[in-house]
Amino acid sequence: MKYKLIQRENPQGRSKVKWYAAPVNDGQIAKNDLTEEIVNISSLSRGDVSLHSE
């Protein structure tokens, strides 16, 4: 996941500003590629991860 740093006021008011990570959209990923990434980093099988709805 890509992110960029954004300087914002601290919501707790303890200091004037703080740096926060904000996710950056890097485009779309195909369902098969997403399934493969999940299978590679977990103990789930392809059948456990596959989405059956379109």
C-alpha atoms as a PDB file:
ATOM      1  CA  MET A   1       0.000   0.000   0.000  1.00  0.00           C
ATOM      2  CA  LYS A   2       1.316   3.387  -0.916  1.00  0.00           C
ATOM      3  CA  TYR A   3       0.810   6.408   1.290  1.00  0.00           C
ATOM      4  CA  LYS A   4       1.707  10.060   1.524  1.00  0.00           C
ATOM      5  CA  LEU A   5       2.344  12.152   4.609  1.00  0.00           C
ATOM      6  CA  ILE A   6      -0.050  14.990   5.340  1.00  0.00           C
ATOM      7  CA  GLN A   7       0.451  17.631   7.992  1.00  0.00           C
ATOM      8  CA  ARG A   8      -2.728  18.292  10.010  1.00  0.00           C
ATOM      9  CA  GLU A   9      -3.757  19.771  13.318  1.00  0.00           C
ATOM     10  CA  ASN A  10      -3.585  17.283  16.159  1.00  0.00           C
ATOM     11  CA  PRO A  11      -7.208  16.363  17.081  1.00  0.00           C
ATOM     12  CA  GLN A  12      -6.187  16.055  20.738  1.00  0.00           C
ATOM     13  CA  GLY A  13      -4.974  19.637  20.708  1.00  0.00           C
ATOM     14  CA  ARG A  14      -1.652  18.811  22.385  1.00  0.00           C
ATOM     15  CA  SER A  15       0.434  20.400  19.673  1.00  0.00           C
ATOM     16  CA  LYS A  16      -0.280  22.597  16.730  1.00  0.00           C
ATOM     17  CA  VAL A  17       0.383  20.120  13.912  1.00  0.00           C
ATOM     18  CA  LYS A  18       1.210  16.453  13.406  1.00  0.00           C
ATOM     19  CA  TRP A  19       2.085  14.283  10.400  1.00  0.00           C
ATOM     20  CA  TYR A  20      -0.423  11.594   9.384  1.00  0.00           C
ATOM     21  CA  ALA A  21      -0.152   8.835   6.767  1.00  0.00           C
ATOM     22  CA  ALA A  22      -2.901   8.943   4.138  1.00  0.00           C
ATOM     23  CA  PRO A  23      -3.453   6.059   1.683  1.00  0.00           C
ATOM     24  CA  VAL A  24      -2.924   6.758  -2.014  1.00  0.00           C
ATOM     25  CA  ASN A  25      -5.047   5.065  -4.670  1.00  0.00           C
ATOM     26  CA  ASP A  26      -2.671   3.390  -7.107  1.00  0.00           C
ATOM     27  CA  GLY A  27      -5.267   2.189  -9.593  1.00  0.00           C
ATOM     28  CA  GLN A  28      -7.252  -1.013  -9.873  1.00  0.00           C
ATOM     29  CA  ILE A  29      -6.229  -4.637  -9.428  1.00  0.00           C
ATOM     30  CA  ALA A  30      -7.802  -7.614 -11.192  1.00  0.00           C
ATOM     31  CA  LYS A  31      -9.780 -10.064  -9.052  1.00  0.00           C
ATOM     32  CA  ASN A  32      -7.423 -12.927  -9.968  1.00  0.00           C
ATOM     33  CA  ASP A  33      -4.361 -10.862  -8.993  1.00  0.00           C
ATOM     34  CA  LEU A  34      -5.933  -9.919  -5.659  1.00  0.00           C
ATOM     35  CA  THR A  35      -6.828 -13.559  -4.995  1.00  0.00           C
ATOM     36  CA  GLU A  36      -3.247 -14.619  -5.755  1.00  0.00           C
ATOM     37  CA  GLU A  37      -1.790 -11.982  -3.415  1.00  0.00           C
ATOM     38  CA  ILE A  38      -4.050 -13.095  -0.548  1.00  0.00           C
ATOM     39  CA  VAL A  39      -3.213 -16.777  -1.135  1.00  0.00           C
ATOM     40  CA  ASN A  40       0.518 -15.981  -1.119  1.00  0.00           C
ATOM     41  CA  ILE A  41       0.485 -14.122   2.221  1.00  0.00           C
ATOM     42  CA  SER A  42      -1.981 -16.261   4.167  1.00  0.00           C
ATOM     43  CA  SER A  43      -2.888 -19.852   4.929  1.00  0.00           C
ATOM     44  CA  LEU A  44      -6.062 -19.589   2.834  1.00  0.00           C
ATOM     45  CA  SER A  45      -6.462 -21.590  -0.362  1.00  0.00           C
ATOM     46  CA  ARG A  46      -7.570 -20.188  -3.708  1.00  0.00           C
ATOM     47  CA  GLY A  47     -11.035 -21.696  -3.131  1.00  0.00           C
ATOM     48  CA  ASP A  48     -11.309 -19.990   0.274  1.00  0.00           C
ATOM     49  CA  VAL A  49     -10.507 -16.600  -1.245  1.00  0.00           C
ATOM     50  CA  SER A  50     -12.346 -16.747  -4.584  1.00  0.00           C
ATOM     51  CA  LEU A  51     -15.297 -14.439  -4.954  1.00  0.00           C
ATOM     52  CA  HIS A  52     -18.318 -16.055  -6.558  1.00  0.00           C
ATOM     53  CA  SER A  53     -20.333 -12.921  -7.234  1.00  0.00           C
ATOM     54  CA  GLU A  54     -19.761 -10.650 -10.196  1.00  0.00           C
END
